[in-house]
C-alpha cells in the first residue's frame, strides 16, 4: 500500500482544464463521495470496487477534480509513494 502525497498534504494538484485551460479544483479521493460510510473503509478495499482499472495494482489514488470556470469534472490518478 502506497501513500498519496496529495491526500497527505505533501503536494497539491495544480492541473488545467482540458476544455478551457482554467485551474481545476481538487475535491479529494473519489471514494469519499460514494456511500455514507465509504470514507471510513480501508483505502485498498475501496480501490478494488471503485470501477477504475488497476488503481490498486499500480498504486494510484483517484482524485475528483472540477474546473473552476466551466464546471467540467474529471478523475486524475495520483502516483502514490
PDB file of N, CA and C in Angstrom:
ATOM      1  N   UNK A   1       0.837  -1.180   0.000  1.00  0.00           N
ATOM      2  CA  UNK A   1       0.000   0.000   0.000  1.00  0.00           C
ATOM      3  C   UNK A   1       0.882   1.244   0.000  1.00  0.00           C
ATOM      4  N   UNK A   2       0.650   2.106  -0.976  1.00  0.00           N
ATOM      5  CA  UNK A   2       1.392   3.346  -1.058  1.00  0.00           C
ATOM      6  C   UNK A   2       0.700   4.462  -0.291  1.00  0.00           C
ATOM      7  N   UNK A   3       1.325   5.623  -0.311  1.00  0.00           N
ATOM      8  CA  UNK A   3       0.774   6.787   0.366  1.00  0.00           C
ATOM      9  C   UNK A   3       0.589   7.895  -0.671  1.00  0.00           C
ATOM     10  N   UNK A   4      -0.589   8.485  -0.704  1.00  0.00           N
ATOM     11  CA  UNK A   4      -0.868   9.554  -1.651  1.00  0.00           C
ATOM     12  C   UNK A   4      -0.287  10.864  -1.119  1.00  0.00           C
ATOM     13  N   UNK A   5       0.641  11.482  -1.856  1.00  0.00           N
ATOM     14  CA  UNK A   5       1.235  12.734  -1.391  1.00  0.00           C
ATOM     15  C   UNK A   5       0.230  13.899  -1.381  1.00  0.00           C
ATOM     16  N   UNK A   6      -0.806  13.832  -2.199  1.00  0.00           N
ATOM     17  CA  UNK A   6      -1.812  14.889  -2.222  1.00  0.00           C
ATOM     18  C   UNK A   6      -2.730  14.765  -1.006  1.00  0.00           C
ATOM     19  N   UNK A   7      -3.217  13.556  -0.728  1.00  0.00           N
ATOM     20  CA  UNK A   7      -4.092  13.338   0.424  1.00  0.00           C
ATOM     21  C   UNK A   7      -3.390  13.664   1.739  1.00  0.00           C
ATOM     22  N   UNK A   8      -2.084  13.476   1.772  1.00  0.00           N
ATOM     23  CA  UNK A   8      -1.310  13.713   2.988  1.00  0.00           C
ATOM     24  C   UNK A   8      -0.697  15.112   3.053  1.00  0.00           C
ATOM     25  N   UNK A   9      -1.086  16.000   2.148  1.00  0.00           N
ATOM     26  CA  UNK A   9      -0.684  17.402   2.200  1.00  0.00           C
ATOM     27  C   UNK A   9       0.760  17.689   1.842  1.00  0.00           C
ATOM     28  N   UNK A  10       1.451  16.737   1.212  1.00  0.00           N
ATOM     29  CA  UNK A  10       2.844  16.949   0.841  1.00  0.00           C
ATOM     30  C   UNK A  10       2.979  17.772  -0.441  1.00  0.00           C
ATOM     31  N   UNK A  11       2.027  17.625  -1.347  1.00  0.00           N
ATOM     32  CA  UNK A  11       1.975  18.387  -2.595  1.00  0.00           C
ATOM     33  C   UNK A  11       0.513  18.724  -2.879  1.00  0.00           C
ATOM     34  N   UNK A  12       0.299  19.637  -3.798  1.00  0.00           N
ATOM     35  CA  UNK A  12      -1.068  19.941  -4.216  1.00  0.00           C
ATOM     36  C   UNK A  12      -1.189  19.720  -5.721  1.00  0.00           C
ATOM     37  N   UNK A  13      -2.393  19.412  -6.141  1.00  0.00           N
ATOM     38  CA  UNK A  13      -2.640  19.229  -7.568  1.00  0.00           C
ATOM     39  C   UNK A  13      -2.906  20.587  -8.200  1.00  0.00           C
ATOM     40  N   UNK A  14      -2.178  20.893  -9.242  1.00  0.00           N
ATOM     41  CA  UNK A  14      -2.387  22.128  -9.979  1.00  0.00           C
ATOM     42  C   UNK A  14      -2.498  21.758 -11.452  1.00  0.00           C
ATOM     43  N   UNK A  15      -3.712  21.406 -11.838  1.00  0.00           N
ATOM     44  CA  UNK A  15      -3.966  20.945 -13.200  1.00  0.00           C
ATOM     45  C   UNK A  15      -4.919  21.889 -13.908  1.00  0.00           C
ATOM     46  N   UNK A  16      -4.718  22.036 -15.203  1.00  0.00           N
ATOM     47  CA  UNK A  16      -5.567  22.886 -16.037  1.00  0.00           C
ATOM     48  C   UNK A  16      -6.663  22.039 -16.675  1.00  0.00           C
ATOM     49  N   UNK A  17      -7.818  22.637 -16.869  1.00  0.00           N
ATOM     50  CA  UNK A  17      -8.947  22.001 -17.543  1.00  0.00           C
ATOM     51  C   UNK A  17      -8.592  21.797 -19.015  1.00  0.00           C
ATOM     52  N   UNK A  18      -8.928  20.650 -19.544  1.00  0.00           N
ATOM     53  CA  UNK A  18      -8.631  20.379 -20.948  1.00  0.00           C
ATOM     54  C   UNK A  18      -9.594  21.101 -21.886  1.00  0.00           C
ATOM     55  N   UNK A  19     -10.719  21.566 -21.347  1.00  0.00           N
ATOM     56  CA  UNK A  19     -11.697  22.279 -22.172  1.00  0.00           C
ATOM     57  C   UNK A  19     -11.366  23.766 -22.296  1.00  0.00           C
ATOM     58  N   UNK A  20     -11.124  24.442 -21.141  1.00  0.00           N
ATOM     59  CA  UNK A  20     -10.983  25.899 -21.176  1.00  0.00           C
ATOM     60  C   UNK A  20      -9.655  26.400 -20.594  1.00  0.00           C
ATOM     61  N   UNK A  21      -8.792  25.491 -20.152  1.00  0.00           N
ATOM     62  CA  UNK A  21      -7.468  25.820 -19.623  1.00  0.00           C
ATOM     63  C   UNK A  21      -7.493  26.585 -18.305  1.00  0.00           C
ATOM     64  N   UNK A  22      -8.622  26.602 -17.599  1.00  0.00           N
ATOM     65  CA  UNK A  22      -8.696  27.227 -16.279  1.00  0.00           C
ATOM     66  C   UNK A  22      -8.207  26.240 -15.224  1.00  0.00           C
ATOM     67  N   UNK A  23      -7.934  26.745 -14.048  1.00  0.00           N
ATOM     68  CA  UNK A  23      -7.459  25.916 -12.937  1.00  0.00           C
ATOM     69  C   UNK A  23      -8.565  24.975 -12.462  1.00  0.00           C
ATOM     70  N   UNK A  24      -8.203  23.713 -12.215  1.00  0.00           N
ATOM     71  CA  UNK A  24      -9.154  22.750 -11.666  1.00  0.00           C
ATOM     72  C   UNK A  24      -9.025  22.715 -10.145  1.00  0.00           C
ATOM     73  N   UNK A  25     -10.130  22.434  -9.477  1.00  0.00           N
ATOM     74  CA  UNK A  25     -10.160  22.326  -8.029  1.00  0.00           C
ATOM     75  C   UNK A  25     -10.166  20.852  -7.656  1.00  0.00           C
ATOM     76  N   UNK A  26      -9.279  20.455  -6.728  1.00  0.00           N
ATOM     77  CA  UNK A  26      -9.196  19.075  -6.262  1.00  0.00           C
ATOM     78  C   UNK A  26     -10.148  18.909  -5.082  1.00  0.00           C
ATOM     79  N   UNK A  27     -11.091  17.971  -5.215  1.00  0.00           N
ATOM     80  CA  UNK A  27     -12.052  17.694  -4.149  1.00  0.00           C
ATOM     81  C   UNK A  27     -11.725  16.412  -3.392  1.00  0.00           C
ATOM     82  N   UNK A  28     -10.532  15.869  -3.584  1.00  0.00           N
ATOM     83  CA  UNK A  28     -10.101  14.697  -2.824  1.00  0.00           C
ATOM     84  C   UNK A  28     -10.410  13.376  -3.514  1.00  0.00           C
ATOM     85  N   UNK A  29     -10.234  12.304  -2.742  1.00  0.00           N
ATOM     86  CA  UNK A  29     -10.423  10.952  -3.275  1.00  0.00           C
ATOM     87  C   UNK A  29     -11.872  10.733  -3.701  1.00  0.00           C
ATOM     88  N   UNK A  30     -12.053  10.084  -4.843  1.00  0.00           N
ATOM     89  CA  UNK A  30     -13.415   9.831  -5.322  1.00  0.00           C
ATOM     90  C   UNK A  30     -14.163   8.894  -4.380  1.00  0.00           C
ATOM     91  N   UNK A  31     -13.447   8.031  -3.677  1.00  0.00           N
ATOM     92  CA  UNK A  31     -14.105   7.079  -2.785  1.00  0.00           C
ATOM     93  C   UNK A  31     -14.812   7.780  -1.628  1.00  0.00           C
ATOM     94  N   UNK A  32     -14.411   9.004  -1.307  1.00  0.00           N
ATOM     95  CA  UNK A  32     -15.048   9.747  -0.217  1.00  0.00           C
ATOM     96  C   UNK A  32     -16.449  10.221  -0.593  1.00  0.00           C
ATOM     97  N   UNK A  33     -16.821  10.105  -1.874  1.00  0.00           N
ATOM     98  CA  UNK A  33     -18.115  10.582  -2.344  1.00  0.00           C
ATOM     99  C   UNK A  33     -19.094   9.444  -2.650  1.00  0.00           C
ATOM    100  N   UNK A  34     -18.759   8.236  -2.285  1.00  0.00           N
ATOM    101  CA  UNK A  34     -19.645   7.102  -2.551  1.00  0.00           C
ATOM    102  C   UNK A  34     -20.727   7.030  -1.490  1.00  0.00           C
ATOM    103  N   UNK A  35     -20.846   5.931  -0.843  1.00  0.00           N
ATOM    104  CA  UNK A  35     -21.867   5.732   0.181  1.00  0.00           C
ATOM    105  C   UNK A  35     -21.506   6.455   1.475  1.00  0.00           C
ATOM    106  N   UNK A  36     -22.443   6.507   2.378  1.00  0.00           N
ATOM    107  CA  UNK A  36     -22.325   7.284   3.609  1.00  0.00           C
ATOM    108  C   UNK A  36     -21.060   6.988   4.416  1.00  0.00           C
ATOM    109  N   UNK A  37     -20.696   5.715   4.571  1.00  0.00           N
ATOM    110  CA  UNK A  37     -19.558   5.354   5.411  1.00  0.00           C
ATOM    111  C   UNK A  37     -18.339   4.872   4.623  1.00  0.00           C
ATOM    112  N   UNK A  38     -18.367   4.976   3.309  1.00  0.00           N
ATOM    113  CA  UNK A  38     -17.241   4.503   2.489  1.00  0.00           C
ATOM    114  C   UNK A  38     -15.942   5.252   2.775  1.00  0.00           C
ATOM    115  N   UNK A  39     -16.025   6.494   3.197  1.00  0.00           N
ATOM    116  CA  UNK A  39     -14.810   7.264   3.501  1.00  0.00           C
ATOM    117  C   UNK A  39     -14.050   6.669   4.679  1.00  0.00           C
ATOM    118  N   UNK A  40     -14.720   5.838   5.473  1.00  0.00           N
ATOM    119  CA  UNK A  40     -14.094   5.236   6.657  1.00  0.00           C
ATOM    120  C   UNK A  40     -13.582   3.827   6.404  1.00  0.00           C
ATOM    121  N   UNK A  41     -13.829   3.283   5.222  1.00  0.00           N
ATOM    122  CA  UNK A  41     -13.341   1.944   4.874  1.00  0.00           C
ATOM    123  C   UNK A  41     -11.860   2.006   4.515  1.00  0.00           C
ATOM    124  N   UNK A  42     -11.159   0.867   4.598  1.00  0.00           N
ATOM    125  CA  UNK A  42      -9.754   0.851   4.166  1.00  0.00           C
ATOM    126  C   UNK A  42      -9.628   1.263   2.696  1.00  0.00           C
ATOM    127  N   UNK A  43      -8.656   2.102   2.416  1.00  0.00           N
ATOM    128  CA  UNK A  43      -8.475   2.640   1.069  1.00  0.00           C
ATOM    129  C   UNK A  43      -8.294   1.532   0.037  1.00  0.00           C
ATOM    130  N   UNK A  44      -7.470   0.535   0.358  1.00  0.00           N
ATOM    131  CA  UNK A  44      -7.234  -0.544  -0.604  1.00  0.00           C
ATOM    132  C   UNK A  44      -8.500  -1.334  -0.899  1.00  0.00           C
ATOM    133  N   UNK A  45      -9.387  -1.485   0.060  1.00  0.00           N
ATOM    134  CA  UNK A  45     -10.647  -2.190  -0.163  1.00  0.00           C
ATOM    135  C   UNK A  45     -11.534  -1.404  -1.123  1.00  0.00           C
ATOM    136  N   UNK A  46     -11.616  -0.111  -0.953  1.00  0.00           N
ATOM    137  CA  UNK A  46     -12.458   0.683  -1.840  1.00  0.00           C
ATOM    138  C   UNK A  46     -11.877   0.773  -3.246  1.00  0.00           C
ATOM    139  N   UNK A  47     -10.562   0.685  -3.371  1.00  0.00           N
ATOM    140  CA  UNK A  47      -9.943   0.687  -4.705  1.00  0.00           C
ATOM    141  C   UNK A  47     -10.343  -0.542  -5.510  1.00  0.00           C
ATOM    142  N   UNK A  48     -10.584  -1.651  -4.837  1.00  0.00           N
ATOM    143  CA  UNK A  48     -10.963  -2.875  -5.534  1.00  0.00           C
ATOM    144  C   UNK A  48     -12.376  -2.800  -6.102  1.00  0.00           C
ATOM    145  N   UNK A  49     -13.192  -1.867  -5.603  1.00  0.00           N
ATOM    146  CA  UNK A  49     -14.596  -1.792  -6.005  1.00  0.00           C
ATOM    147  C   UNK A  49     -15.003  -0.452  -6.607  1.00  0.00           C
ATOM    148  N   UNK A  50     -14.046   0.394  -6.985  1.00  0.00           N
ATOM    149  CA  UNK A  50     -14.410   1.734  -7.445  1.00  0.00           C
ATOM    150  C   UNK A  50     -14.608   1.848  -8.959  1.00  0.00           C
ATOM    151  N   UNK A  51     -14.389   0.761  -9.693  1.00  0.00           N
ATOM    152  CA  UNK A  51     -14.606   0.788 -11.137  1.00  0.00           C
ATOM    153  C   UNK A  51     -13.436   1.296 -11.958  1.00  0.00           C
ATOM    154  N   UNK A  52     -12.330   1.654 -11.309  1.00  0.00           N
ATOM    155  CA  UNK A  52     -11.141   2.112 -12.027  1.00  0.00           C
ATOM    156  C   UNK A  52     -10.177   0.948 -12.146  1.00  0.00           C
ATOM    157  N   UNK A  53      -9.789   0.644 -13.361  1.00  0.00           N
ATOM    158  CA  UNK A  53      -8.913  -0.492 -13.617  1.00  0.00           C
ATOM    159  C   UNK A  53      -7.498  -0.220 -13.131  1.00  0.00           C
ATOM    160  N   UNK A  54      -6.936  -1.129 -12.376  1.00  0.00           N
ATOM    161  CA  UNK A  54      -5.536  -1.153 -11.961  1.00  0.00           C
ATOM    162  C   UNK A  54      -5.093  -0.055 -11.003  1.00  0.00           C
ATOM    163  N   UNK A  55      -5.983   0.702 -10.394  1.00  0.00           N
ATOM    164  CA  UNK A  55      -5.511   1.717  -9.444  1.00  0.00           C
ATOM    165  C   UNK A  55      -4.932   1.069  -8.183  1.00  0.00           C
ATOM    166  N   UNK A  56      -5.428  -0.098  -7.831  1.00  0.00           N
ATOM    167  CA  UNK A  56      -4.870  -0.815  -6.680  1.00  0.00           C
ATOM    168  C   UNK A  56      -3.493  -1.389  -7.023  1.00  0.00           C
ATOM    169  N   UNK A  57      -3.395  -2.095  -8.150  1.00  0.00           N
ATOM    170  CA  UNK A  57      -2.145  -2.743  -8.543  1.00  0.00           C
ATOM    171  C   UNK A  57      -1.038  -1.742  -8.847  1.00  0.00           C
ATOM    172  N   UNK A  58      -1.392  -0.625  -9.452  1.00  0.00           N
ATOM    173  CA  UNK A  58      -0.402   0.376  -9.852  1.00  0.00           C
ATOM    174  C   UNK A  58      -0.188   1.460  -8.801  1.00  0.00           C
ATOM    175  N   UNK A  59      -0.819   1.321  -7.641  1.00  0.00           N
ATOM    176  CA  UNK A  59      -0.708   2.260  -6.520  1.00  0.00           C
ATOM    177  C   UNK A  59      -0.982   3.701  -6.968  1.00  0.00           C
ATOM    178  N   UNK A  60      -2.211   3.914  -7.430  1.00  0.00           N
ATOM    179  CA  UNK A  60      -2.663   5.234  -7.853  1.00  0.00           C
ATOM    180  C   UNK A  60      -3.848   5.634  -6.973  1.00  0.00           C
ATOM    181  N   UNK A  61      -3.932   6.905  -6.658  1.00  0.00           N
ATOM    182  CA  UNK A  61      -5.025   7.438  -5.847  1.00  0.00           C
ATOM    183  C   UNK A  61      -5.916   8.301  -6.742  1.00  0.00           C
ATOM    184  N   UNK A  62      -7.164   7.886  -6.997  1.00  0.00           N
ATOM    185  CA  UNK A  62      -8.046   8.646  -7.883  1.00  0.00           C
ATOM    186  C   UNK A  62      -8.653   9.861  -7.180  1.00  0.00           C
ATOM    187  N   UNK A  63      -8.434  11.035  -7.756  1.00  0.00           N
ATOM    188  CA  UNK A  63      -8.940  12.289  -7.195  1.00  0.00           C
ATOM    189  C   UNK A  63      -9.998  12.891  -8.112  1.00  0.00           C
ATOM    190  N   UNK A  64     -11.019  13.447  -7.481  1.00  0.00           N
ATOM    191  CA  UNK A  64     -12.124  14.101  -8.179  1.00  0.00           C
ATOM    192  C   UNK A  64     -11.769  15.574  -8.391  1.00  0.00           C
ATOM    193  N   UNK A  65     -11.775  16.014  -9.646  1.00  0.00           N
ATOM    194  CA  UNK A  65     -11.446  17.395  -9.995  1.00  0.00           C
ATOM    195  C   UNK A  65     -12.620  18.059 -10.698  1.00  0.00           C
ATOM    196  N   UNK A  66     -12.746  19.370 -10.487  1.00  0.00           N
ATOM    197  CA  UNK A  66     -13.763  20.132 -11.197  1.00  0.00           C
ATOM    198  C   UNK A  66     -13.159  21.466 -11.624  1.00  0.00           C
ATOM    199  N   UNK A  67     -13.444  21.865 -12.838  1.00  0.00           N
ATOM    200  CA  UNK A  67     -12.937  23.128 -13.365  1.00  0.00           C
ATOM    201  C   UNK A  67     -13.614  24.293 -12.651  1.00  0.00           C
ATOM    202  N   UNK A  68     -12.823  25.276 -12.263  1.00  0.00           N
ATOM    203  CA  UNK A  68     -13.351  26.449 -11.554  1.00  0.00           C
ATOM    204  C   UNK A  68     -14.121  27.383 -12.482  1.00  0.00           C
ATOM    205  N   UNK A  69     -13.921  27.243 -13.792  1.00  0.00           N
ATOM    206  CA  UNK A  69     -14.555  28.147 -14.759  1.00  0.00           C
ATOM    207  C   UNK A  69     -15.770  27.503 -15.434  1.00  0.00           C
ATOM    208  N   UNK A  70     -15.571  26.353 -16.103  1.00  0.00           N
ATOM    209  CA  UNK A  70     -16.658  25.753 -16.889  1.00  0.00           C
ATOM    210  C   UNK A  70     -17.396  24.636 -16.154  1.00  0.00           C
ATOM    211  N   UNK A  71     -16.850  24.158 -15.042  1.00  0.00           N
ATOM    212  CA  UNK A  71     -17.530  23.141 -14.240  1.00  0.00           C
ATOM    213  C   UNK A  71     -17.315  21.704 -14.688  1.00  0.00           C
ATOM    214  N   UNK A  72     -16.519  21.485 -15.724  1.00  0.00           N
ATOM    215  CA  UNK A  72     -16.253  20.119 -16.199  1.00  0.00           C
ATOM    216  C   UNK A  72     -15.564  19.322 -15.098  1.00  0.00           C
ATOM    217  N   UNK A  73     -16.007  18.082 -14.907  1.00  0.00           N
ATOM    218  CA  UNK A  73     -15.417  17.225 -13.885  1.00  0.00           C
ATOM    219  C   UNK A  73     -14.551  16.152 -14.532  1.00  0.00           C
ATOM    220  N   UNK A  74     -13.564  15.678 -13.775  1.00  0.00           N
ATOM    221  CA  UNK A  74     -12.688  14.619 -14.251  1.00  0.00           C
ATOM    222  C   UNK A  74     -12.081  13.887 -13.050  1.00  0.00           C
ATOM    223  N   UNK A  75     -11.442  12.771 -13.347  1.00  0.00           N
ATOM    224  CA  UNK A  75     -10.731  11.992 -12.336  1.00  0.00           C
ATOM    225  C   UNK A  75      -9.268  11.959 -12.733  1.00  0.00           C
ATOM    226  N   UNK A  76      -8.402  12.279 -11.802  1.00  0.00           N
ATOM    227  CA  UNK A  76      -6.953  12.254 -12.033  1.00  0.00           C
ATOM    228  C   UNK A  76      -6.329  11.222 -11.097  1.00  0.00           C
ATOM    229  N   UNK A  77      -5.491  10.341 -11.632  1.00  0.00           N
ATOM    230  CA  UNK A  77      -4.833   9.313 -10.838  1.00  0.00           C
ATOM    231  C   UNK A  77      -3.476   9.828 -10.379  1.00  0.00           C
ATOM    232  N   UNK A  78      -3.317   9.952  -9.069  1.00  0.00           N
ATOM    233  CA  UNK A  78      -2.086  10.442  -8.468  1.00  0.00           C
ATOM    234  C   UNK A  78      -1.191   9.256  -8.123  1.00  0.00           C
ATOM    235  N   UNK A  79       0.080   9.318  -8.497  1.00  0.00           N
ATOM    236  CA  UNK A  79       1.025   8.258  -8.148  1.00  0.00           C
ATOM    237  C   UNK A  79       1.306   8.276  -6.647  1.00  0.00           C
ATOM    238  N   UNK A  80       1.077   7.130  -6.013  1.00  0.00           N
ATOM    239  CA  UNK A  80       1.376   7.021  -4.591  1.00  0.00           C
ATOM    240  C   UNK A  80       2.865   6.759  -4.397  1.00  0.00           C
ATOM    241  N   UNK A  81       3.363   7.089  -3.231  1.00  0.00           N
ATOM    242  CA  UNK A  81       4.787   6.896  -2.933  1.00  0.00           C
ATOM    243  C   UNK A  81       4.965   5.753  -1.965  1.00  0.00           C
TER     244      UNK A  81
END
